[in-house]
């Protein structure tokens, strides 16, 4: 029996949330474990919801989804609590919103204009704890941005600690290969691929694979 996917709906118009709830729960494979306007919600509240996927409205009553997601990741790191995946919700498709969501620690942004079937597909894709589909979709559209010399130097020092196999894994990761493809190219088990990606996340003080891919894309010429 497939695992029930636990989803939290936070913020946005009540009518939209109810429509999403009805659609997502229709086949019995998704359970809405929280549904609120997000008023007064804080990071510790999110951590207590025990969700697999949380959909947060971009603009919440007293904060933004981006700030709340960042705070939740920071708190989870301190408390060593398990944290599900985040999706940010907005009305109209914008690359900048997707980038802001990924930078904050979400997998991607979902847009009301894209409809409920697209939303459901995105939620189901987030069942995978390694989900990073958002950054992969927009990777080649990421605008060039300046990286400070200190940031570049710090990352270089961290990446210099990798051995040859680990460097090959990260290089293949930056080429948007899947974990299975990376394992084949680097001739290592898939677990080694995932552990190496997690190791580099920690070295660069990042919470998600998507953040790592975004960060490495901005370093551009950084040699591995």
N, C-alpha and C. Protein backbone atom coordinates (compact mmCIF):
# COMPACT_ATOMS: atom_id res chain seq x y z
N UNK A 1 0.84 -1.20 0.00
CA UNK A 1 0.00 0.00 0.00
C UNK A 1 0.88 1.26 0.00
N UNK A 2 0.57 2.19 -0.90
CA UNK A 2 1.36 3.41 -1.01
C UNK A 2 1.18 4.27 0.24
N UNK A 3 2.25 4.94 0.60
CA UNK A 3 2.21 5.82 1.75
C UNK A 3 1.33 7.03 1.45
N UNK A 4 0.51 7.41 2.44
CA UNK A 4 -0.31 8.61 2.30
C UNK A 4 0.60 9.83 2.41
N UNK A 5 0.48 10.74 1.45
CA UNK A 5 1.29 11.95 1.45
C UNK A 5 0.59 13.02 2.28
N UNK A 6 1.28 13.50 3.31
CA UNK A 6 0.70 14.49 4.23
C UNK A 6 1.04 15.89 3.74
N UNK A 7 0.00 16.69 3.51
CA UNK A 7 0.18 18.02 2.93
C UNK A 7 -0.42 19.09 3.84
N UNK A 8 0.31 20.18 4.01
CA UNK A 8 -0.17 21.34 4.78
C UNK A 8 -0.42 22.50 3.83
N UNK A 9 -1.56 23.14 3.98
CA UNK A 9 -1.91 24.33 3.19
C UNK A 9 -1.87 25.54 4.10
N UNK A 10 -1.01 26.49 3.80
CA UNK A 10 -0.80 27.65 4.68
C UNK A 10 -0.94 28.94 3.89
N UNK A 11 -1.94 29.73 4.23
CA UNK A 11 -2.11 31.04 3.63
C UNK A 11 -2.89 31.02 2.33
N UNK A 12 -3.25 32.21 1.88
CA UNK A 12 -4.01 32.34 0.64
C UNK A 12 -5.51 32.37 0.90
N UNK A 13 -6.25 32.64 -0.15
CA UNK A 13 -7.70 32.78 -0.03
C UNK A 13 -8.35 31.45 0.34
N UNK A 14 -9.34 31.51 1.20
CA UNK A 14 -9.99 30.30 1.69
C UNK A 14 -10.58 29.47 0.55
N UNK A 15 -11.14 30.14 -0.45
CA UNK A 15 -11.74 29.42 -1.58
C UNK A 15 -10.69 28.63 -2.35
N UNK A 16 -9.53 29.22 -2.56
CA UNK A 16 -8.44 28.52 -3.27
C UNK A 16 -7.95 27.34 -2.45
N UNK A 17 -7.77 27.55 -1.15
CA UNK A 17 -7.31 26.45 -0.29
C UNK A 17 -8.31 25.30 -0.29
N UNK A 18 -9.61 25.62 -0.21
CA UNK A 18 -10.62 24.57 -0.18
C UNK A 18 -10.65 23.81 -1.51
N UNK A 19 -10.51 24.54 -2.62
CA UNK A 19 -10.47 23.88 -3.92
C UNK A 19 -9.29 22.94 -4.03
N UNK A 20 -8.16 23.39 -3.52
CA UNK A 20 -6.96 22.55 -3.54
C UNK A 20 -7.15 21.33 -2.65
N UNK A 21 -7.74 21.55 -1.50
CA UNK A 21 -7.96 20.42 -0.58
C UNK A 21 -8.86 19.37 -1.23
N UNK A 22 -9.96 19.80 -1.80
CA UNK A 22 -10.90 18.86 -2.43
C UNK A 22 -10.21 18.08 -3.55
N UNK A 23 -9.42 18.76 -4.35
CA UNK A 23 -8.78 18.12 -5.50
C UNK A 23 -7.68 17.16 -5.06
N UNK A 24 -6.85 17.60 -4.12
CA UNK A 24 -5.73 16.78 -3.69
C UNK A 24 -6.18 15.53 -2.93
N UNK A 25 -7.25 15.63 -2.17
CA UNK A 25 -7.70 14.49 -1.36
C UNK A 25 -8.64 13.56 -2.12
N UNK A 26 -8.95 13.89 -3.37
CA UNK A 26 -9.98 13.14 -4.11
C UNK A 26 -9.67 11.66 -4.28
N UNK A 27 -8.40 11.30 -4.50
CA UNK A 27 -8.09 9.89 -4.76
C UNK A 27 -7.62 9.12 -3.53
N UNK A 28 -7.60 9.78 -2.38
CA UNK A 28 -7.25 9.10 -1.14
C UNK A 28 -5.78 8.89 -0.89
N UNK A 29 -4.91 9.37 -1.80
CA UNK A 29 -3.47 9.18 -1.64
C UNK A 29 -2.79 10.37 -0.97
N UNK A 30 -3.54 11.46 -0.81
CA UNK A 30 -3.03 12.67 -0.17
C UNK A 30 -3.97 13.05 0.95
N UNK A 31 -3.39 13.39 2.10
CA UNK A 31 -4.18 13.83 3.25
C UNK A 31 -3.76 15.24 3.63
N UNK A 32 -4.73 16.14 3.73
CA UNK A 32 -4.45 17.50 4.17
C UNK A 32 -4.41 17.49 5.70
N UNK A 33 -3.23 17.72 6.26
CA UNK A 33 -3.06 17.65 7.72
C UNK A 33 -3.17 19.03 8.37
N UNK A 34 -3.19 20.06 7.54
CA UNK A 34 -3.31 21.43 8.07
C UNK A 34 -3.85 22.32 6.96
N UNK A 35 -4.78 23.22 7.33
CA UNK A 35 -5.37 24.13 6.37
C UNK A 35 -5.72 25.42 7.11
N UNK A 36 -4.93 26.47 6.91
CA UNK A 36 -5.17 27.72 7.63
C UNK A 36 -4.78 28.92 6.80
N UNK A 37 -5.21 30.10 7.25
CA UNK A 37 -4.84 31.33 6.55
C UNK A 37 -3.41 31.78 6.87
N UNK A 38 -2.75 31.08 7.78
CA UNK A 38 -1.37 31.38 8.11
C UNK A 38 -1.18 32.52 9.09
N UNK A 39 -2.28 33.03 9.61
CA UNK A 39 -2.16 34.16 10.54
C UNK A 39 -1.42 33.72 11.81
N UNK A 40 -0.33 34.42 12.11
CA UNK A 40 0.41 34.16 13.33
C UNK A 40 1.30 32.93 13.30
N UNK A 41 1.33 32.22 12.19
CA UNK A 41 2.12 30.99 12.15
C UNK A 41 3.61 31.30 12.16
N UNK A 42 4.37 30.50 12.91
CA UNK A 42 5.80 30.69 13.03
C UNK A 42 6.52 29.37 12.72
N UNK A 43 7.83 29.44 12.67
CA UNK A 43 8.62 28.27 12.29
C UNK A 43 8.34 27.07 13.17
N UNK A 44 8.26 27.30 14.49
CA UNK A 44 8.02 26.16 15.38
C UNK A 44 6.65 25.52 15.15
N UNK A 45 5.69 26.33 14.69
CA UNK A 45 4.37 25.78 14.37
C UNK A 45 4.45 24.86 13.16
N UNK A 46 5.22 25.28 12.16
CA UNK A 46 5.37 24.44 10.97
C UNK A 46 6.04 23.12 11.30
N UNK A 47 7.06 23.16 12.12
CA UNK A 47 7.77 21.94 12.48
C UNK A 47 6.87 20.95 13.19
N UNK A 48 5.86 21.45 13.89
CA UNK A 48 4.97 20.57 14.65
C UNK A 48 3.89 19.92 13.79
N UNK A 49 3.78 20.32 12.54
CA UNK A 49 2.69 19.83 11.68
C UNK A 49 2.94 18.43 11.12
N UNK A 50 4.18 17.97 11.13
CA UNK A 50 4.51 16.63 10.64
C UNK A 50 4.03 16.42 9.20
N UNK A 51 4.40 17.33 8.33
CA UNK A 51 3.98 17.26 6.93
C UNK A 51 5.08 16.67 6.05
N UNK A 52 4.65 16.14 4.91
CA UNK A 52 5.60 15.74 3.87
C UNK A 52 5.84 16.91 2.92
N UNK A 53 4.75 17.62 2.62
CA UNK A 53 4.81 18.78 1.72
C UNK A 53 3.97 19.90 2.31
N UNK A 54 4.53 21.10 2.36
CA UNK A 54 3.77 22.28 2.80
C UNK A 54 3.71 23.27 1.66
N UNK A 55 2.50 23.75 1.36
CA UNK A 55 2.30 24.75 0.32
C UNK A 55 2.01 26.07 1.02
N UNK A 56 2.92 27.01 0.91
CA UNK A 56 2.81 28.29 1.60
C UNK A 56 2.53 29.41 0.60
N UNK A 57 1.49 30.19 0.88
CA UNK A 57 1.22 31.36 0.05
C UNK A 57 2.39 32.33 0.15
N UNK A 58 2.77 32.89 -0.99
CA UNK A 58 3.92 33.78 -1.03
C UNK A 58 3.80 34.91 0.00
N UNK A 59 2.65 35.55 0.06
CA UNK A 59 2.43 36.63 1.02
C UNK A 59 1.53 36.13 2.14
N UNK A 60 2.08 36.03 3.33
CA UNK A 60 1.34 35.60 4.51
C UNK A 60 0.97 36.83 5.33
N UNK A 61 0.01 36.71 6.27
CA UNK A 61 -0.47 37.89 7.00
C UNK A 61 0.62 38.74 7.66
N UNK A 62 1.65 38.12 8.23
CA UNK A 62 2.66 38.91 8.95
C UNK A 62 4.08 38.68 8.46
N UNK A 63 4.22 37.92 7.38
CA UNK A 63 5.56 37.62 6.88
C UNK A 63 5.46 37.17 5.43
N UNK A 64 6.51 36.58 4.91
CA UNK A 64 6.47 35.99 3.57
C UNK A 64 6.79 34.51 3.68
N UNK A 65 6.39 33.76 2.67
CA UNK A 65 6.71 32.34 2.65
C UNK A 65 8.22 32.14 2.67
N UNK A 66 8.95 33.01 1.97
CA UNK A 66 10.40 32.86 1.90
C UNK A 66 11.04 32.98 3.28
N UNK A 67 10.61 33.99 4.05
CA UNK A 67 11.17 34.19 5.39
C UNK A 67 10.81 33.03 6.31
N UNK A 68 9.58 32.56 6.21
CA UNK A 68 9.12 31.47 7.08
C UNK A 68 9.83 30.16 6.76
N UNK A 69 10.05 29.89 5.49
CA UNK A 69 10.76 28.68 5.08
C UNK A 69 12.21 28.73 5.57
N UNK A 70 12.86 29.86 5.38
CA UNK A 70 14.25 30.01 5.85
C UNK A 70 14.34 29.79 7.36
N UNK A 71 13.41 30.39 8.09
CA UNK A 71 13.40 30.26 9.55
C UNK A 71 13.14 28.82 9.97
N UNK A 72 12.28 28.13 9.24
CA UNK A 72 11.96 26.74 9.57
C UNK A 72 13.17 25.83 9.35
N UNK A 73 13.90 26.05 8.27
CA UNK A 73 15.11 25.27 8.03
C UNK A 73 16.15 25.53 9.12
N UNK A 74 16.30 26.80 9.48
CA UNK A 74 17.28 27.15 10.52
C UNK A 74 16.93 26.49 11.85
N UNK A 75 15.64 26.52 12.20
CA UNK A 75 15.20 25.91 13.46
C UNK A 75 15.36 24.39 13.41
N UNK A 76 15.03 23.78 12.30
CA UNK A 76 15.17 22.33 12.17
C UNK A 76 16.62 21.89 12.30
N UNK A 77 17.53 22.72 11.79
CA UNK A 77 18.95 22.40 11.92
C UNK A 77 19.37 22.42 13.39
N UNK A 78 18.89 23.40 14.14
CA UNK A 78 19.24 23.52 15.56
C UNK A 78 18.64 22.38 16.38
N UNK A 79 17.39 22.04 16.08
CA UNK A 79 16.68 21.03 16.88
C UNK A 79 16.85 19.61 16.34
N UNK A 80 17.51 19.49 15.17
CA UNK A 80 17.72 18.18 14.52
C UNK A 80 16.39 17.49 14.20
N UNK A 81 15.38 18.28 13.89
CA UNK A 81 14.07 17.72 13.54
C UNK A 81 13.97 17.50 12.04
N UNK A 82 13.19 16.48 11.67
CA UNK A 82 12.94 16.19 10.26
C UNK A 82 11.99 17.25 9.70
N UNK A 83 12.28 17.71 8.51
CA UNK A 83 11.46 18.73 7.88
C UNK A 83 11.07 18.27 6.48
N UNK A 84 9.78 18.44 6.15
CA UNK A 84 9.31 18.05 4.82
C UNK A 84 9.74 19.04 3.75
N UNK A 85 9.16 18.90 2.57
CA UNK A 85 9.49 19.77 1.46
C UNK A 85 8.50 20.94 1.38
N UNK A 86 8.97 22.05 0.85
CA UNK A 86 8.14 23.24 0.73
C UNK A 86 7.88 23.60 -0.74
N UNK A 87 6.67 24.06 -1.00
CA UNK A 87 6.33 24.71 -2.25
C UNK A 87 5.74 26.07 -1.90
N UNK A 88 6.13 27.10 -2.64
CA UNK A 88 5.57 28.43 -2.46
C UNK A 88 4.47 28.61 -3.51
N UNK A 89 3.38 29.23 -3.12
CA UNK A 89 2.26 29.46 -4.02
C UNK A 89 2.15 30.93 -4.40
N UNK A 90 1.97 31.18 -5.69
CA UNK A 90 1.76 32.55 -6.18
C UNK A 90 0.76 32.47 -7.33
N UNK A 91 0.28 33.62 -7.78
CA UNK A 91 -0.75 33.62 -8.82
C UNK A 91 -0.19 33.48 -10.22
N UNK A 92 0.84 34.26 -10.54
CA UNK A 92 1.33 34.31 -11.91
C UNK A 92 2.78 33.85 -11.97
N UNK A 93 3.12 33.17 -13.04
CA UNK A 93 4.45 32.58 -13.20
C UNK A 93 5.52 33.66 -13.39
N UNK A 94 6.54 33.62 -12.54
CA UNK A 94 7.67 34.52 -12.64
C UNK A 94 8.94 33.76 -12.25
N UNK A 95 9.98 33.89 -13.06
CA UNK A 95 11.25 33.24 -12.76
C UNK A 95 11.80 33.71 -11.43
N UNK A 96 11.67 35.00 -11.14
CA UNK A 96 12.23 35.55 -9.90
C UNK A 96 11.60 34.91 -8.67
N UNK A 97 10.31 34.57 -8.74
CA UNK A 97 9.64 33.94 -7.61
C UNK A 97 10.15 32.52 -7.41
N UNK A 98 10.41 31.83 -8.50
CA UNK A 98 10.94 30.47 -8.39
C UNK A 98 12.33 30.49 -7.78
N UNK A 99 13.15 31.45 -8.21
CA UNK A 99 14.49 31.57 -7.66
C UNK A 99 14.46 31.93 -6.18
N UNK A 100 13.57 32.86 -5.81
CA UNK A 100 13.47 33.26 -4.40
C UNK A 100 13.03 32.09 -3.53
N UNK A 101 12.11 31.29 -4.04
CA UNK A 101 11.64 30.12 -3.29
C UNK A 101 12.77 29.12 -3.08
N UNK A 102 13.53 28.85 -4.14
CA UNK A 102 14.64 27.90 -4.04
C UNK A 102 15.72 28.42 -3.10
N UNK A 103 16.03 29.71 -3.20
CA UNK A 103 17.02 30.30 -2.29
C UNK A 103 16.59 30.16 -0.83
N UNK A 104 15.30 30.25 -0.57
CA UNK A 104 14.79 30.15 0.80
C UNK A 104 14.79 28.73 1.33
N UNK A 105 14.81 27.74 0.41
CA UNK A 105 14.80 26.34 0.84
C UNK A 105 13.60 25.56 0.38
N UNK A 106 12.81 26.13 -0.53
CA UNK A 106 11.67 25.41 -1.12
C UNK A 106 12.14 24.63 -2.34
N UNK A 107 11.32 23.69 -2.77
CA UNK A 107 11.63 22.94 -3.99
C UNK A 107 11.31 23.78 -5.23
N UNK A 108 10.22 24.55 -5.15
CA UNK A 108 9.81 25.34 -6.31
C UNK A 108 8.64 26.23 -5.90
N UNK A 109 8.17 27.02 -6.87
CA UNK A 109 6.95 27.80 -6.72
C UNK A 109 5.88 27.18 -7.61
N UNK A 110 4.65 27.09 -7.10
CA UNK A 110 3.51 26.65 -7.90
C UNK A 110 2.62 27.86 -8.14
N UNK A 111 1.98 27.88 -9.30
CA UNK A 111 1.21 29.05 -9.69
C UNK A 111 -0.26 28.70 -9.89
N UNK A 112 -1.13 29.52 -9.31
CA UNK A 112 -2.57 29.29 -9.40
C UNK A 112 -3.01 29.19 -10.85
N UNK A 113 -2.43 30.01 -11.70
CA UNK A 113 -2.81 30.06 -13.12
C UNK A 113 -2.54 28.74 -13.84
N UNK A 114 -1.67 27.89 -13.30
CA UNK A 114 -1.32 26.63 -13.95
C UNK A 114 -2.36 25.54 -13.70
N UNK A 115 -3.25 25.75 -12.75
CA UNK A 115 -4.33 24.79 -12.51
C UNK A 115 -4.00 23.73 -11.47
N UNK A 116 -5.04 22.97 -11.12
CA UNK A 116 -4.94 22.01 -10.03
C UNK A 116 -4.18 20.74 -10.40
N UNK A 117 -4.26 20.32 -11.66
CA UNK A 117 -3.55 19.10 -12.05
C UNK A 117 -2.04 19.30 -11.96
N UNK A 118 -1.56 20.46 -12.38
CA UNK A 118 -0.13 20.76 -12.26
C UNK A 118 0.28 20.80 -10.80
N UNK A 119 -0.56 21.43 -9.97
CA UNK A 119 -0.28 21.46 -8.53
C UNK A 119 -0.15 20.06 -7.97
N UNK A 120 -1.08 19.20 -8.30
CA UNK A 120 -1.07 17.82 -7.79
C UNK A 120 0.20 17.10 -8.24
N UNK A 121 0.59 17.28 -9.48
CA UNK A 121 1.81 16.63 -9.98
C UNK A 121 3.03 17.11 -9.21
N UNK A 122 3.08 18.41 -8.91
CA UNK A 122 4.21 18.96 -8.16
C UNK A 122 4.24 18.42 -6.74
N UNK A 123 3.08 18.35 -6.12
CA UNK A 123 3.00 17.82 -4.76
C UNK A 123 3.47 16.38 -4.73
N UNK A 124 3.00 15.58 -5.66
CA UNK A 124 3.39 14.17 -5.71
C UNK A 124 4.89 14.01 -5.98
N UNK A 125 5.45 14.90 -6.79
CA UNK A 125 6.90 14.84 -7.05
C UNK A 125 7.70 15.14 -5.79
N UNK A 126 7.10 15.92 -4.88
CA UNK A 126 7.77 16.26 -3.62
C UNK A 126 7.72 15.12 -2.61
N UNK A 127 7.08 14.01 -2.97
CA UNK A 127 7.11 12.85 -2.08
C UNK A 127 8.54 12.35 -1.92
N UNK A 128 9.36 12.58 -2.93
CA UNK A 128 10.77 12.21 -2.87
C UNK A 128 11.53 13.24 -2.04
N UNK A 129 12.14 12.82 -0.94
CA UNK A 129 12.91 13.76 -0.11
C UNK A 129 14.05 14.44 -0.87
N UNK A 130 14.48 13.85 -1.99
CA UNK A 130 15.56 14.42 -2.79
C UNK A 130 15.04 15.32 -3.91
N UNK A 131 13.76 15.66 -3.89
CA UNK A 131 13.15 16.41 -4.99
C UNK A 131 13.89 17.72 -5.26
N UNK A 132 14.26 17.93 -6.51
CA UNK A 132 14.94 19.17 -6.91
C UNK A 132 14.54 19.57 -8.33
N UNK A 133 13.30 19.23 -8.70
CA UNK A 133 12.85 19.44 -10.07
C UNK A 133 12.79 20.92 -10.46
N UNK A 134 12.49 21.80 -9.50
CA UNK A 134 12.36 23.22 -9.82
C UNK A 134 13.63 23.81 -10.38
N UNK A 135 14.73 23.64 -9.65
CA UNK A 135 16.01 24.22 -10.07
C UNK A 135 16.48 23.58 -11.37
N UNK A 136 16.19 22.31 -11.58
CA UNK A 136 16.59 21.65 -12.83
C UNK A 136 15.85 22.25 -14.03
N UNK A 137 14.59 22.60 -13.83
CA UNK A 137 13.80 23.17 -14.92
C UNK A 137 14.29 24.56 -15.33
N UNK A 138 14.76 25.33 -14.37
CA UNK A 138 15.13 26.73 -14.67
C UNK A 138 16.64 26.95 -14.70
N UNK A 139 17.40 25.88 -14.56
CA UNK A 139 18.85 25.99 -14.42
C UNK A 139 19.48 26.86 -15.50
N UNK A 140 19.07 26.64 -16.74
CA UNK A 140 19.68 27.36 -17.86
C UNK A 140 19.13 28.77 -18.03
N UNK A 141 18.15 29.15 -17.18
CA UNK A 141 17.60 30.50 -17.23
C UNK A 141 18.11 31.39 -16.10
N UNK A 142 18.93 30.82 -15.22
CA UNK A 142 19.40 31.58 -14.06
C UNK A 142 20.26 32.74 -14.52
N UNK A 143 19.89 33.95 -14.16
CA UNK A 143 20.69 35.11 -14.59
C UNK A 143 22.05 35.12 -13.91
N UNK A 144 23.03 35.65 -14.61
CA UNK A 144 24.36 35.77 -14.04
C UNK A 144 24.33 36.77 -12.89
N UNK A 145 24.99 36.44 -11.82
CA UNK A 145 25.05 37.35 -10.68
C UNK A 145 26.46 37.37 -10.12
N UNK A 146 26.83 38.47 -9.54
CA UNK A 146 28.17 38.62 -9.00
C UNK A 146 28.30 37.85 -7.69
N UNK A 147 29.42 37.17 -7.54
CA UNK A 147 29.74 36.45 -6.31
C UNK A 147 30.92 37.16 -5.68
N UNK A 148 30.81 37.46 -4.40
CA UNK A 148 31.89 38.17 -3.74
C UNK A 148 33.15 37.31 -3.70
N UNK A 149 34.28 37.97 -3.66
CA UNK A 149 35.57 37.26 -3.60
C UNK A 149 35.65 36.38 -2.36
N UNK A 150 35.13 36.88 -1.24
CA UNK A 150 35.17 36.11 0.01
C UNK A 150 34.31 34.86 -0.10
N UNK A 151 33.13 34.99 -0.71
CA UNK A 151 32.24 33.85 -0.86
C UNK A 151 32.85 32.81 -1.80
N UNK A 152 33.41 33.29 -2.90
CA UNK A 152 34.06 32.41 -3.86
C UNK A 152 35.23 31.67 -3.22
N UNK A 153 36.04 32.40 -2.45
CA UNK A 153 37.20 31.81 -1.79
C UNK A 153 36.78 30.76 -0.77
N UNK A 154 35.74 31.07 -0.01
CA UNK A 154 35.25 30.14 1.01
C UNK A 154 34.75 28.85 0.38
N UNK A 155 34.00 28.98 -0.71
CA UNK A 155 33.49 27.80 -1.39
C UNK A 155 34.63 26.98 -2.00
N UNK A 156 35.63 27.67 -2.54
CA UNK A 156 36.78 26.97 -3.13
C UNK A 156 37.50 26.13 -2.10
N UNK A 157 37.70 26.70 -0.92
CA UNK A 157 38.37 25.98 0.17
C UNK A 157 37.57 24.75 0.55
N UNK A 158 36.24 24.91 0.65
CA UNK A 158 35.38 23.78 1.03
C UNK A 158 35.44 22.68 -0.03
N UNK A 159 35.34 23.05 -1.30
CA UNK A 159 35.32 22.06 -2.37
C UNK A 159 36.68 21.40 -2.58
N UNK A 160 37.73 22.07 -2.17
CA UNK A 160 39.07 21.49 -2.28
C UNK A 160 39.26 20.30 -1.34
N UNK A 161 38.34 20.14 -0.37
CA UNK A 161 38.44 19.01 0.56
C UNK A 161 37.88 17.72 -0.05
N UNK A 162 37.23 17.83 -1.20
CA UNK A 162 36.63 16.65 -1.82
C UNK A 162 37.70 15.78 -2.47
N UNK A 163 37.51 14.47 -2.41
CA UNK A 163 38.42 13.59 -3.13
C UNK A 163 37.98 13.51 -4.59
N UNK A 164 38.69 12.75 -5.38
CA UNK A 164 38.43 12.71 -6.82
C UNK A 164 37.02 12.21 -7.13
N UNK A 165 36.61 11.13 -6.48
CA UNK A 165 35.28 10.58 -6.74
C UNK A 165 34.19 11.58 -6.34
N UNK A 166 34.38 12.22 -5.19
CA UNK A 166 33.38 13.19 -4.74
C UNK A 166 33.30 14.38 -5.70
N UNK A 167 34.45 14.84 -6.18
CA UNK A 167 34.45 15.95 -7.14
C UNK A 167 33.74 15.55 -8.43
N UNK A 168 33.95 14.32 -8.85
CA UNK A 168 33.27 13.82 -10.06
C UNK A 168 31.76 13.77 -9.86
N UNK A 169 31.35 13.39 -8.66
CA UNK A 169 29.93 13.34 -8.34
C UNK A 169 29.31 14.73 -8.43
N UNK A 170 29.95 15.72 -7.83
CA UNK A 170 29.42 17.08 -7.83
C UNK A 170 29.45 17.67 -9.23
N UNK A 171 30.47 17.36 -10.00
CA UNK A 171 30.54 17.84 -11.38
C UNK A 171 29.36 17.30 -12.19
N UNK A 172 29.07 16.01 -12.02
CA UNK A 172 27.95 15.39 -12.73
C UNK A 172 26.61 15.95 -12.24
N UNK A 173 26.54 16.25 -10.96
CA UNK A 173 25.34 16.86 -10.37
C UNK A 173 25.08 18.21 -11.05
N UNK A 174 26.14 18.99 -11.26
CA UNK A 174 26.01 20.30 -11.92
C UNK A 174 25.66 20.16 -13.39
N UNK A 175 25.87 18.98 -13.96
CA UNK A 175 25.48 18.72 -15.34
C UNK A 175 24.04 18.22 -15.42
N UNK A 176 23.34 18.26 -14.27
CA UNK A 176 21.92 17.90 -14.16
C UNK A 176 21.65 16.42 -14.39
N UNK A 177 22.65 15.59 -14.16
CA UNK A 177 22.43 14.15 -14.23
C UNK A 177 21.63 13.70 -13.00
N UNK A 178 20.86 12.65 -13.17
CA UNK A 178 20.12 12.07 -12.05
C UNK A 178 21.09 11.33 -11.13
N UNK A 179 20.63 11.01 -9.93
CA UNK A 179 21.49 10.27 -9.01
C UNK A 179 21.93 8.94 -9.60
N UNK A 180 21.02 8.26 -10.31
CA UNK A 180 21.36 6.98 -10.93
C UNK A 180 22.42 7.17 -12.02
N UNK A 181 22.27 8.23 -12.81
CA UNK A 181 23.26 8.51 -13.85
C UNK A 181 24.62 8.87 -13.25
N UNK A 182 24.58 9.65 -12.17
CA UNK A 182 25.83 10.04 -11.51
C UNK A 182 26.54 8.81 -10.96
N UNK A 183 25.77 7.93 -10.34
CA UNK A 183 26.36 6.70 -9.78
C UNK A 183 27.05 5.88 -10.87
N UNK A 184 26.43 5.84 -12.05
CA UNK A 184 27.01 5.07 -13.15
C UNK A 184 28.28 5.74 -13.67
N UNK A 185 28.24 7.06 -13.84
CA UNK A 185 29.39 7.79 -14.36
C UNK A 185 30.57 7.73 -13.38
N UNK A 186 30.26 7.95 -12.08
CA UNK A 186 31.32 8.00 -11.07
C UNK A 186 31.70 6.61 -10.55
N UNK A 187 30.93 5.60 -10.97
CA UNK A 187 31.16 4.22 -10.55
C UNK A 187 31.15 4.09 -9.03
N UNK A 188 30.07 4.59 -8.45
CA UNK A 188 29.85 4.50 -7.01
C UNK A 188 28.38 4.14 -6.76
N UNK A 189 28.05 3.63 -5.56
CA UNK A 189 26.65 3.36 -5.24
C UNK A 189 25.85 4.66 -5.18
N UNK A 190 24.54 4.55 -5.40
CA UNK A 190 23.69 5.74 -5.36
C UNK A 190 23.73 6.39 -3.98
N UNK A 191 23.87 5.59 -2.92
CA UNK A 191 23.95 6.14 -1.57
C UNK A 191 25.16 7.06 -1.43
N UNK A 192 26.27 6.68 -2.07
CA UNK A 192 27.48 7.52 -2.05
C UNK A 192 27.20 8.87 -2.73
N UNK A 193 26.43 8.85 -3.80
CA UNK A 193 26.05 10.08 -4.50
C UNK A 193 25.28 10.99 -3.56
N UNK A 194 24.27 10.44 -2.91
CA UNK A 194 23.43 11.26 -2.04
C UNK A 194 24.20 11.76 -0.82
N UNK A 195 25.07 10.92 -0.27
CA UNK A 195 25.86 11.33 0.88
C UNK A 195 26.86 12.43 0.51
N UNK A 196 27.39 12.36 -0.70
CA UNK A 196 28.35 13.38 -1.15
C UNK A 196 27.64 14.71 -1.36
N UNK A 197 26.47 14.67 -1.97
CA UNK A 197 25.70 15.91 -2.17
C UNK A 197 25.36 16.52 -0.82
N UNK A 198 24.95 15.69 0.12
CA UNK A 198 24.64 16.18 1.47
C UNK A 198 25.90 16.75 2.14
N UNK A 199 27.03 16.11 1.93
CA UNK A 199 28.29 16.60 2.50
C UNK A 199 28.61 18.00 2.00
N UNK A 200 28.45 18.22 0.71
CA UNK A 200 28.76 19.53 0.14
C UNK A 200 27.73 20.57 0.59
N UNK A 201 26.46 20.15 0.72
CA UNK A 201 25.46 21.06 1.29
C UNK A 201 25.94 21.56 2.65
N UNK A 202 26.39 20.64 3.48
CA UNK A 202 26.83 21.00 4.83
C UNK A 202 28.08 21.88 4.79
N UNK A 203 29.00 21.56 3.88
CA UNK A 203 30.22 22.37 3.77
C UNK A 203 29.89 23.82 3.41
N UNK A 204 28.87 24.00 2.57
CA UNK A 204 28.49 25.34 2.13
C UNK A 204 27.34 25.91 2.95
N UNK A 205 26.96 25.19 4.03
CA UNK A 205 25.92 25.62 4.95
C UNK A 205 24.59 25.86 4.23
N UNK A 206 24.19 24.88 3.43
CA UNK A 206 22.94 24.93 2.69
C UNK A 206 22.02 23.81 3.16
N UNK A 207 20.71 24.01 2.99
CA UNK A 207 19.75 23.06 3.52
C UNK A 207 19.23 22.06 2.49
N UNK A 208 19.23 22.43 1.21
CA UNK A 208 18.63 21.58 0.19
C UNK A 208 19.54 21.38 -1.00
N UNK A 209 19.26 20.34 -1.75
CA UNK A 209 19.97 20.07 -3.00
C UNK A 209 19.75 21.21 -4.00
N UNK A 210 18.53 21.73 -4.00
CA UNK A 210 18.21 22.81 -4.93
C UNK A 210 19.05 24.05 -4.65
N UNK A 211 19.21 24.38 -3.37
CA UNK A 211 20.07 25.51 -3.00
C UNK A 211 21.50 25.27 -3.45
N UNK A 212 21.96 24.03 -3.31
CA UNK A 212 23.33 23.70 -3.71
C UNK A 212 23.52 23.88 -5.21
N UNK A 213 22.58 23.37 -5.99
CA UNK A 213 22.69 23.49 -7.44
C UNK A 213 22.66 24.96 -7.86
N UNK A 214 21.82 25.74 -7.21
CA UNK A 214 21.75 27.18 -7.51
C UNK A 214 23.07 27.86 -7.16
N UNK A 215 23.60 27.54 -5.98
CA UNK A 215 24.85 28.15 -5.53
C UNK A 215 26.00 27.81 -6.49
N UNK A 216 26.11 26.55 -6.86
CA UNK A 216 27.19 26.13 -7.74
C UNK A 216 27.05 26.74 -9.13
N UNK A 217 25.81 26.91 -9.57
CA UNK A 217 25.61 27.54 -10.89
C UNK A 217 26.11 28.98 -10.87
N UNK A 218 25.97 29.65 -9.74
CA UNK A 218 26.39 31.05 -9.65
C UNK A 218 27.90 31.20 -9.52
N UNK A 219 28.56 30.14 -9.06
CA UNK A 219 30.01 30.19 -9.03
C UNK A 219 30.59 30.05 -10.44
N UNK A 220 29.83 29.41 -11.31
CA UNK A 220 30.22 29.35 -12.73
C UNK A 220 31.55 28.70 -12.97
N UNK A 221 32.60 29.48 -12.98
CA UNK A 221 33.93 28.99 -13.37
C UNK A 221 34.65 28.26 -12.25
N UNK A 222 34.01 28.09 -11.11
CA UNK A 222 34.66 27.40 -9.99
C UNK A 222 35.05 25.99 -10.41
N UNK A 223 36.34 25.69 -10.37
CA UNK A 223 36.83 24.39 -10.84
C UNK A 223 36.69 23.35 -9.74
N UNK A 224 36.18 22.19 -10.13
CA UNK A 224 36.05 21.07 -9.19
C UNK A 224 37.19 20.09 -9.42
